[in-house]
Amino acid sequence: MGGNLGELVNELVARFNESQDKIVVNATYQGSYDDTYNALLAAMETGNLPQVTQNFDIASQTMFDTGIVLPAWKLIEEYGGFDPNDLVPAVRDYYSDENGLVALAFNSSTPILYYNEEMFQQAGIEGIDGSLSFSEFKALCDKLMEAEVAPYCFTFGQVGWYFEQILANSGGLYFNENNGRTGRATEVMFNQGQGVEVFTFLTSLIQEGYAPNLGSTWTETDSTFQTRQAAIEIDSTSDVSIIENSEFPVKTAFIPHSDSSERNGVIIGGAALWLIDSGDAKINEASWEFMKFMAAPEQQITWHTGSGYFPVNLKAHSDPQLQAFWDEHPNFRTAIDQLVTTKTTLDDGSPNYAVLGGRAGPFPAIRRLIVEAYSRVLNDGLSPQEALDEAAEKANAELENYNAFFK
């Protein structure tokens, strides 16, 4: 993680090094999530592996398949000192397999809505309560547009993550085999039912003039919102500390869901710490001590208040210091509320596979196909169904090629 986030990571690493005199951790910045993921795969070829790697959510299946990871449940059995039930359930379950916890979440986030409170007041709208359906969201946009508070109602980047999250919030699966959780995923399901409804909604926001066509950007959406070109933005909770400092009052809300569903909840995003088996028990134990330190309440509070990534350790949530911070900065609390009210188990006792998230080896490559699908609709005139069918065909080929290594 670079920039201010990288400085905060280095601060936490320094805190660990100063907390004891037996272990020294050196943090090395490897670039973006994709860069870090590719750097690890390259390091596997040379054998020059790190002891701990911070790798993103959708790399989980590949991390499992590498055979180089020492799962957290084994480390807990061997060295103890950590209770997986101290983690937010959605976080714990995302990074678990049938045996238990595999990786320790560190920088966890979800998308939320940010909105300009002044514009809402000018349009006579109190705010956003809960998770809106697609129809409710467009009706809200109509009020904002009629009041001419901004050129656009909404701004978002055409990236795969928002599609995945709104699909999960609508109860839809991304992959077969229960999102790749009960077997190796062999086909995508995003071109069916809920997936088509979600993608139709997102592309129609641009086609109907509610949102600008910004392409697959992460940064221009912030500038569009902060320069008052749009009343609402969807972005990661990790940006809350930046967006909250806009030149107007900002409030936050849950992401929307499809008309044909109720709110189902969100998938954990961000990244986790994975312990690479060094073959040396002492080094592995030292690495585990560092991982536990980073997941402890004190570090998670520092990380949350300095970044917007939420505290993954439940014990941090009841800390008076954090409670006082949330009272002063309620926008930071929205992400917590959206996640802790996400049920990873349904009322009938079965797993809520939609919010547990998809798991597949070529997920990073498949996510990029959704970016292409946006362009196929908005620039080439395909229907949402046609664009998703095209993406699904390519995605299924990616799955087949990857899975061939494990037959």
Protein backbone atom coordinates (compact mmCIF):
# COMPACT_ATOMS: atom_id res chain seq x y z
CA MET A 1 0.00 0.00 0.00
CA GLY A 2 1.45 3.35 -1.04
CA GLY A 3 0.90 6.98 -0.06
CA ASN A 4 -0.68 7.76 3.30
CA LEU A 5 -1.80 4.15 3.70
CA GLY A 6 1.74 2.93 3.19
CA GLU A 7 2.98 5.36 5.82
CA LEU A 8 0.38 4.04 8.25
CA VAL A 9 1.39 0.44 7.55
CA ASN A 10 5.02 1.37 8.20
CA GLU A 11 3.97 3.02 11.47
CA LEU A 12 2.29 -0.20 12.61
CA VAL A 13 5.29 -2.30 11.57
CA ALA A 14 7.56 0.03 13.54
CA ARG A 15 5.22 -0.30 16.52
CA PHE A 16 5.58 -4.08 16.35
CA ASN A 17 9.36 -3.91 16.09
CA GLU A 18 9.49 -1.60 19.11
CA SER A 19 7.12 -3.79 21.14
CA GLN A 20 9.68 -6.59 21.53
CA ASP A 21 13.34 -7.35 20.87
CA LYS A 22 13.28 -10.79 19.25
CA ILE A 23 11.69 -10.19 15.84
CA VAL A 24 12.31 -7.56 13.17
CA VAL A 25 9.82 -7.09 10.34
CA ASN A 26 10.80 -5.33 7.12
CA ALA A 27 7.84 -4.05 5.09
CA THR A 28 8.35 -3.84 1.33
CA TYR A 29 5.92 -2.00 -0.95
CA GLN A 30 5.09 -4.00 -4.10
CA GLY A 31 2.57 -1.69 -5.79
CA SER A 32 -1.12 -2.28 -6.44
CA TYR A 33 -3.07 -5.39 -5.46
CA ASP A 34 -2.47 -6.84 -8.92
CA ASP A 35 1.23 -5.94 -8.74
CA THR A 36 1.61 -7.65 -5.36
CA TYR A 37 -0.26 -10.71 -6.57
CA ASN A 38 1.93 -11.00 -9.67
CA ALA A 39 5.09 -10.35 -7.65
CA LEU A 40 4.27 -13.29 -5.39
CA LEU A 41 3.67 -15.60 -8.35
CA ALA A 42 7.01 -14.51 -9.81
CA ALA A 43 8.74 -15.06 -6.46
CA MET A 44 7.45 -18.63 -6.44
CA GLU A 45 9.53 -19.24 -9.56
CA THR A 46 12.72 -17.85 -8.00
CA GLY A 47 12.14 -19.16 -4.48
CA ASN A 48 12.71 -15.69 -3.03
CA LEU A 49 9.46 -15.64 -1.08
CA PRO A 50 8.38 -13.30 1.72
CA GLN A 51 7.41 -14.69 5.13
CA VAL A 52 4.09 -12.82 5.07
CA THR A 53 2.27 -11.42 2.06
CA GLN A 54 -0.64 -9.02 1.91
CA ASN A 55 -2.81 -10.31 -0.92
CA PHE A 56 -6.24 -9.23 -2.01
CA ASP A 57 -9.57 -10.94 -1.52
CA ILE A 58 -10.09 -12.42 -4.97
CA ALA A 59 -6.63 -14.03 -4.96
CA SER A 60 -7.83 -16.41 -2.23
CA GLN A 61 -8.33 -19.50 -4.40
CA THR A 62 -4.90 -19.08 -5.98
CA MET A 63 -3.36 -18.65 -2.54
CA PHE A 64 -5.02 -21.90 -1.44
CA ASP A 65 -3.82 -23.67 -4.56
CA THR A 66 -0.17 -22.58 -4.36
CA GLY A 67 0.54 -25.00 -1.53
CA ILE A 68 2.92 -22.49 0.06
CA VAL A 69 0.51 -21.05 2.63
CA LEU A 70 0.44 -22.16 6.25
CA PRO A 71 -3.24 -21.73 7.16
CA ALA A 72 -4.11 -19.75 10.26
CA TRP A 73 -6.03 -22.66 11.76
CA LYS A 74 -2.82 -24.72 11.78
CA LEU A 75 -0.91 -21.84 13.34
CA ILE A 76 -3.57 -21.52 16.02
CA GLU A 77 -3.30 -25.24 16.76
CA GLU A 78 0.49 -25.03 16.93
CA TYR A 79 1.07 -21.70 18.65
CA GLY A 80 -2.33 -20.47 19.88
CA GLY A 81 -2.89 -16.88 20.88
CA PHE A 82 -5.79 -16.09 18.59
CA ASP A 83 -9.52 -16.83 18.53
CA PRO A 84 -11.09 -16.66 15.03
CA ASN A 85 -14.40 -15.76 16.66
CA ASP A 86 -12.88 -12.42 17.61
CA LEU A 87 -13.16 -11.50 13.93
CA VAL A 88 -16.24 -9.97 12.31
CA PRO A 89 -18.13 -13.07 11.06
CA ALA A 90 -18.22 -11.93 7.43
CA VAL A 91 -14.46 -11.40 7.53
CA ARG A 92 -13.73 -14.69 9.28
CA ASP A 93 -15.92 -16.71 6.95
CA TYR A 94 -14.59 -15.11 3.77
CA TYR A 95 -11.03 -16.21 4.54
CA SER A 96 -11.96 -19.68 5.80
CA ASP A 97 -12.17 -23.12 4.19
CA GLU A 98 -13.71 -26.34 5.48
CA ASN A 99 -10.94 -26.64 8.08
CA GLY A 100 -11.13 -23.13 9.47
CA LEU A 101 -9.46 -19.76 9.15
CA VAL A 102 -6.74 -19.64 6.48
CA ALA A 103 -5.65 -15.98 6.33
CA LEU A 104 -5.86 -13.07 8.77
CA ALA A 105 -7.76 -10.13 7.34
CA PHE A 106 -5.99 -6.82 7.74
CA ASN A 107 -7.26 -4.07 5.43
CA SER A 108 -10.92 -4.89 4.98
CA SER A 109 -13.42 -2.68 3.20
CA THR A 110 -16.77 -2.61 1.44
CA PRO A 111 -18.31 -0.05 -0.90
CA ILE A 112 -20.73 2.50 0.52
CA LEU A 113 -22.66 5.43 -0.87
CA TYR A 114 -21.42 8.96 -0.17
CA TYR A 115 -23.84 11.84 -0.66
CA ASN A 116 -23.76 15.64 -0.57
CA GLU A 117 -25.98 16.63 2.34
CA GLU A 118 -26.39 20.20 1.08
CA MET A 119 -27.74 19.00 -2.27
CA PHE A 120 -30.18 16.68 -0.55
CA GLN A 121 -31.46 19.53 1.60
CA GLN A 122 -31.82 21.77 -1.45
CA ALA A 123 -33.92 19.05 -3.10
CA GLY A 124 -36.01 18.58 0.05
CA ILE A 125 -34.66 15.10 0.72
CA GLU A 126 -33.78 14.08 4.27
CA GLY A 127 -31.21 11.45 3.34
CA ILE A 128 -30.86 7.77 2.49
CA ASP A 129 -32.25 5.30 4.99
CA GLY A 130 -30.97 1.74 4.67
CA SER A 131 -30.43 0.02 1.33
CA LEU A 132 -32.59 1.33 -1.52
CA SER A 133 -34.01 -0.84 -4.28
CA PHE A 134 -33.05 0.09 -7.84
CA SER A 135 -36.45 1.75 -8.42
CA GLU A 136 -36.15 3.69 -5.17
CA PHE A 137 -32.66 4.78 -6.13
CA LYS A 138 -33.78 6.10 -9.51
CA ALA A 139 -36.76 7.86 -7.91
CA LEU A 140 -34.32 9.56 -5.56
CA CYS A 141 -32.19 10.55 -8.55
CA ASP A 142 -35.24 12.00 -10.29
CA LYS A 143 -35.87 14.31 -7.31
CA LEU A 144 -32.25 15.44 -7.27
CA MET A 145 -32.18 16.01 -11.03
CA GLU A 146 -35.49 17.90 -10.99
CA ALA A 147 -34.09 20.19 -8.29
CA GLU A 148 -31.08 20.84 -10.57
CA VAL A 149 -28.64 20.53 -7.68
CA ALA A 150 -25.95 18.99 -9.91
CA PRO A 151 -25.47 17.90 -13.54
CA TYR A 152 -25.64 14.26 -12.43
CA CYS A 153 -27.26 12.32 -9.65
CA PHE A 154 -24.63 9.62 -9.32
CA THR A 155 -21.02 8.88 -10.21
CA PHE A 156 -19.21 5.54 -10.28
CA GLY A 157 -16.32 3.81 -11.96
CA GLN A 158 -17.05 0.93 -14.32
CA VAL A 159 -15.05 -1.56 -12.27
CA GLY A 160 -15.92 -5.15 -11.49
CA TRP A 161 -16.01 -4.72 -7.71
CA TYR A 162 -19.21 -2.65 -7.56
CA PHE A 163 -21.00 -5.12 -9.82
CA GLU A 164 -19.91 -7.99 -7.56
CA GLN A 165 -21.04 -6.18 -4.42
CA ILE A 166 -24.45 -5.11 -5.67
CA LEU A 167 -24.96 -8.62 -7.08
CA ALA A 168 -24.26 -10.06 -3.62
CA ASN A 169 -26.52 -7.47 -2.00
CA SER A 170 -29.24 -8.71 -4.35
CA GLY A 171 -28.65 -12.35 -3.39
CA GLY A 172 -27.02 -13.38 -6.68
CA LEU A 173 -24.10 -15.78 -7.13
CA TYR A 174 -21.06 -15.00 -9.26
CA PHE A 175 -19.91 -18.61 -9.76
CA ASN A 176 -21.50 -22.05 -9.70
CA GLU A 177 -20.66 -24.56 -6.97
CA ASN A 178 -22.17 -22.12 -4.47
CA ASN A 179 -19.80 -19.36 -5.51
CA GLY A 180 -16.92 -21.83 -5.61
CA ARG A 181 -17.36 -22.53 -1.90
CA THR A 182 -18.50 -26.16 -2.07
CA GLY A 183 -16.48 -27.20 -5.11
CA ARG A 184 -14.12 -25.77 -7.67
CA ALA A 185 -16.01 -23.19 -9.76
CA THR A 186 -16.41 -24.27 -13.39
CA GLU A 187 -18.83 -21.63 -14.69
CA VAL A 188 -19.83 -18.07 -13.92
CA MET A 189 -23.44 -17.24 -13.12
CA PHE A 190 -23.33 -13.47 -13.48
CA ASN A 191 -25.08 -13.62 -16.87
CA GLN A 192 -28.23 -15.03 -15.28
CA GLY A 193 -31.14 -13.55 -13.32
CA GLN A 194 -29.80 -11.16 -10.72
CA GLY A 195 -26.59 -10.51 -12.63
CA VAL A 196 -28.46 -9.22 -15.66
CA GLU A 197 -30.75 -7.12 -13.47
CA VAL A 198 -27.79 -5.55 -11.67
CA PHE A 199 -25.81 -4.88 -14.85
CA THR A 200 -28.86 -3.44 -16.60
CA PHE A 201 -29.34 -1.05 -13.68
CA LEU A 202 -25.73 0.09 -13.65
CA THR A 203 -25.44 0.65 -17.40
CA SER A 204 -28.86 2.33 -17.55
CA LEU A 205 -27.74 4.94 -15.02
CA ILE A 206 -25.28 6.16 -17.64
CA GLN A 207 -27.52 5.64 -20.66
CA GLU A 208 -30.39 7.55 -19.02
CA GLY A 209 -28.22 10.47 -17.94
CA TYR A 210 -28.15 9.85 -14.22
CA ALA A 211 -24.38 9.28 -14.24
CA PRO A 212 -21.45 10.31 -16.45
CA ASN A 213 -19.55 7.78 -18.54
CA LEU A 214 -16.16 7.88 -16.81
CA GLY A 215 -14.89 4.46 -17.83
CA SER A 216 -13.04 2.17 -15.44
CA THR A 217 -11.72 4.91 -13.19
CA TRP A 218 -11.26 4.95 -9.43
CA THR A 219 -10.11 8.56 -9.09
CA GLU A 220 -12.34 10.59 -11.42
CA THR A 221 -15.42 9.53 -9.49
CA ASP A 222 -14.04 11.25 -6.39
CA SER A 223 -13.26 14.44 -8.31
CA THR A 224 -16.70 14.41 -9.96
CA PHE A 225 -18.34 14.16 -6.55
CA GLN A 226 -16.05 16.61 -4.76
CA THR A 227 -16.44 19.26 -7.50
CA ARG A 228 -20.22 19.05 -7.08
CA GLN A 229 -20.85 17.45 -10.47
CA ALA A 230 -22.82 14.62 -8.83
CA ALA A 231 -24.85 14.34 -5.64
CA ILE A 232 -24.02 10.70 -4.85
CA GLU A 233 -20.93 8.55 -5.26
CA ILE A 234 -20.16 4.89 -4.61
CA ASP A 235 -16.66 4.22 -3.35
CA SER A 236 -14.70 2.13 -0.90
CA THR A 237 -14.93 2.73 2.82
CA SER A 238 -11.15 3.11 2.68
CA ASP A 239 -11.71 6.55 1.11
CA VAL A 240 -14.00 7.86 3.84
CA SER A 241 -11.26 9.92 5.50
CA ILE A 242 -10.60 11.65 2.15
CA ILE A 243 -14.17 12.15 0.96
CA GLU A 244 -15.36 13.30 4.38
CA ASN A 245 -13.01 16.28 4.04
CA SER A 246 -14.85 17.64 0.99
CA GLU A 247 -15.85 21.33 0.98
CA PHE A 248 -19.43 20.37 1.84
CA PRO A 249 -21.03 18.09 4.44
CA VAL A 250 -20.95 14.42 3.42
CA LYS A 251 -23.07 11.58 4.69
CA THR A 252 -22.89 7.85 3.93
CA ALA A 253 -25.36 5.04 3.30
CA PHE A 254 -25.66 1.37 2.32
CA ILE A 255 -25.36 0.29 -1.32
CA PRO A 256 -28.58 -0.53 -3.27
CA HIS A 257 -30.14 -3.88 -4.19
CA SER A 258 -32.29 -5.17 -7.06
CA ASP A 259 -36.05 -4.69 -7.26
CA SER A 260 -36.58 -8.46 -7.26
CA SER A 261 -34.75 -8.98 -3.97
CA GLU A 262 -34.44 -7.73 -0.44
CA ARG A 263 -31.15 -6.41 0.91
CA ASN A 264 -28.84 -9.41 1.34
CA GLY A 265 -25.57 -7.83 2.49
CA VAL A 266 -22.07 -7.20 1.22
CA ILE A 267 -18.88 -9.15 0.58
CA ILE A 268 -15.68 -8.35 2.39
CA GLY A 269 -13.18 -6.53 0.19
CA GLY A 270 -9.59 -5.47 0.68
CA ALA A 271 -6.80 -7.87 1.57
CA ALA A 272 -5.47 -10.27 4.18
CA LEU A 273 -2.14 -11.39 5.59
CA TRP A 274 -1.05 -14.84 4.43
CA LEU A 275 1.81 -16.72 6.08
CA ILE A 276 4.18 -18.34 3.60
CA ASP A 277 5.69 -21.56 4.96
CA SER A 278 9.43 -20.89 5.28
CA GLY A 279 10.20 -24.45 6.35
CA ASP A 280 11.63 -23.06 9.58
CA ALA A 281 9.36 -23.38 12.62
CA LYS A 282 10.96 -20.42 14.41
CA ILE A 283 10.48 -18.11 11.43
CA ASN A 284 6.89 -19.29 11.00
CA GLU A 285 6.16 -18.64 14.67
CA ALA A 286 7.72 -15.18 14.44
CA SER A 287 5.63 -14.39 11.37
CA TRP A 288 2.52 -15.53 13.20
CA GLU A 289 3.33 -13.21 16.12
CA PHE A 290 3.42 -10.29 13.69
CA MET A 291 0.14 -11.28 12.05
CA LYS A 292 -1.61 -11.55 15.41
CA PHE A 293 -0.24 -8.15 16.37
CA MET A 294 -1.67 -6.53 13.24
CA ALA A 295 -5.12 -8.04 13.90
CA ALA A 296 -5.18 -6.99 17.56
CA PRO A 297 -7.70 -4.34 18.68
CA GLU A 298 -5.16 -1.57 19.30
CA GLN A 299 -3.64 -1.82 15.82
CA GLN A 300 -7.03 -2.20 14.16
CA ILE A 301 -8.29 0.98 15.86
CA THR A 302 -5.23 2.90 14.65
CA TRP A 303 -5.69 1.48 11.16
CA HIS A 304 -9.43 2.20 11.02
CA THR A 305 -9.29 5.76 12.31
CA GLY A 306 -6.37 6.60 10.06
CA SER A 307 -7.65 4.99 6.87
CA GLY A 308 -11.35 4.10 6.82
CA TYR A 309 -10.70 0.38 6.48
CA PHE A 310 -12.84 -1.08 9.22
CA PRO A 311 -11.56 -2.84 12.34
CA VAL A 312 -11.80 -6.58 11.72
CA ASN A 313 -11.44 -7.43 15.41
CA LEU A 314 -14.80 -7.33 17.22
CA LYS A 315 -13.11 -6.43 20.50
CA ALA A 316 -12.10 -3.11 18.97
CA HIS A 317 -15.74 -2.19 18.37
CA SER A 318 -16.54 -1.83 22.07
CA ASP A 319 -13.41 0.15 22.87
CA PRO A 320 -14.31 3.58 24.36
CA GLN A 321 -11.71 5.26 22.14
CA LEU A 322 -13.38 3.91 19.00
CA GLN A 323 -16.90 4.61 20.27
CA ALA A 324 -15.91 8.24 20.83
CA PHE A 325 -14.37 8.40 17.35
CA TRP A 326 -17.58 7.06 15.78
CA ASP A 327 -19.64 9.62 17.68
CA GLU A 328 -17.49 12.35 16.15
CA HIS A 329 -17.20 10.70 12.70
CA PRO A 330 -20.43 8.73 12.07
CA ASN A 331 -19.55 8.15 8.41
CA PHE A 332 -16.88 5.70 9.53
CA ARG A 333 -19.60 3.73 11.32
CA THR A 334 -21.70 3.12 8.19
CA ALA A 335 -19.30 0.51 6.84
CA ILE A 336 -19.38 -1.33 10.16
CA ASP A 337 -23.17 -1.30 10.29
CA GLN A 338 -23.46 -2.50 6.69
CA LEU A 339 -21.09 -5.39 7.35
CA VAL A 340 -22.13 -6.54 10.82
CA THR A 341 -25.77 -6.67 9.66
CA THR A 342 -24.73 -8.91 6.76
CA LYS A 343 -25.78 -12.45 7.62
CA THR A 344 -23.31 -15.11 6.51
CA THR A 345 -25.85 -17.74 7.58
CA LEU A 346 -29.45 -17.64 6.34
CA ASP A 347 -32.51 -18.08 8.56
CA ASP A 348 -32.77 -21.75 7.56
CA GLY A 349 -29.22 -22.35 8.78
CA SER A 350 -27.63 -22.66 5.34
CA PRO A 351 -24.62 -20.53 4.32
CA ASN A 352 -25.33 -17.25 2.58
CA TYR A 353 -23.01 -18.03 -0.31
CA ALA A 354 -23.72 -14.75 -2.10
CA VAL A 355 -22.09 -12.67 0.66
CA LEU A 356 -19.39 -15.24 1.41
CA GLY A 357 -18.03 -14.14 -1.95
CA GLY A 358 -16.83 -15.90 -5.07
CA ARG A 359 -13.76 -18.10 -5.05
CA ALA A 360 -11.96 -19.05 -8.27
CA GLY A 361 -8.35 -19.13 -9.41
CA PRO A 362 -8.64 -16.76 -12.38
CA PHE A 363 -10.93 -14.32 -10.55
CA PRO A 364 -8.64 -11.30 -11.16
CA ALA A 365 -8.77 -11.91 -14.92
CA ILE A 366 -12.52 -12.55 -14.82
CA ARG A 367 -13.14 -9.31 -12.95
CA ARG A 368 -11.53 -7.43 -15.84
CA LEU A 369 -14.06 -8.97 -18.23
CA ILE A 370 -16.82 -7.02 -16.50
CA VAL A 371 -14.94 -3.82 -17.33
CA GLU A 372 -14.97 -4.91 -20.97
CA ALA A 373 -18.69 -5.68 -20.72
CA TYR A 374 -19.43 -2.09 -19.70
CA SER A 375 -17.68 -0.86 -22.82
CA ARG A 376 -19.53 -3.36 -25.00
CA VAL A 377 -22.86 -1.95 -23.78
CA LEU A 378 -22.03 1.75 -23.57
CA ASN A 379 -19.74 2.06 -26.59
CA ASP A 380 -20.61 -0.84 -28.89
CA GLY A 381 -24.37 -1.06 -28.46
CA LEU A 382 -24.71 -4.58 -27.04
CA SER A 383 -27.52 -5.29 -24.61
CA PRO A 384 -26.55 -6.05 -20.99
CA GLN A 385 -27.49 -9.68 -21.55
CA GLU A 386 -25.37 -9.93 -24.71
CA ALA A 387 -22.38 -8.28 -23.04
CA LEU A 388 -22.58 -10.54 -19.99
CA ASP A 389 -23.00 -13.64 -22.17
CA GLU A 390 -19.86 -12.65 -24.06
CA ALA A 391 -17.99 -12.08 -20.79
CA ALA A 392 -19.28 -15.39 -19.42
CA GLU A 393 -17.96 -17.32 -22.42
CA LYS A 394 -14.49 -15.85 -21.90
CA ALA A 395 -14.68 -16.34 -18.13
CA ASN A 396 -15.64 -19.99 -18.47
CA ALA A 397 -12.65 -20.53 -20.75
CA GLU A 398 -10.42 -18.96 -18.08
CA LEU A 399 -11.89 -21.32 -15.47
CA GLU A 400 -11.41 -24.35 -17.71
CA ASN A 401 -7.77 -23.48 -18.37
CA TYR A 402 -7.03 -22.88 -14.70
CA ASN A 403 -8.86 -25.95 -13.44
CA ALA A 404 -7.01 -28.18 -15.90
CA PHE A 405 -3.98 -27.92 -13.62
CA PHE A 406 -5.90 -29.61 -10.80
CA LYS A 407 -7.46 -32.60 -12.56
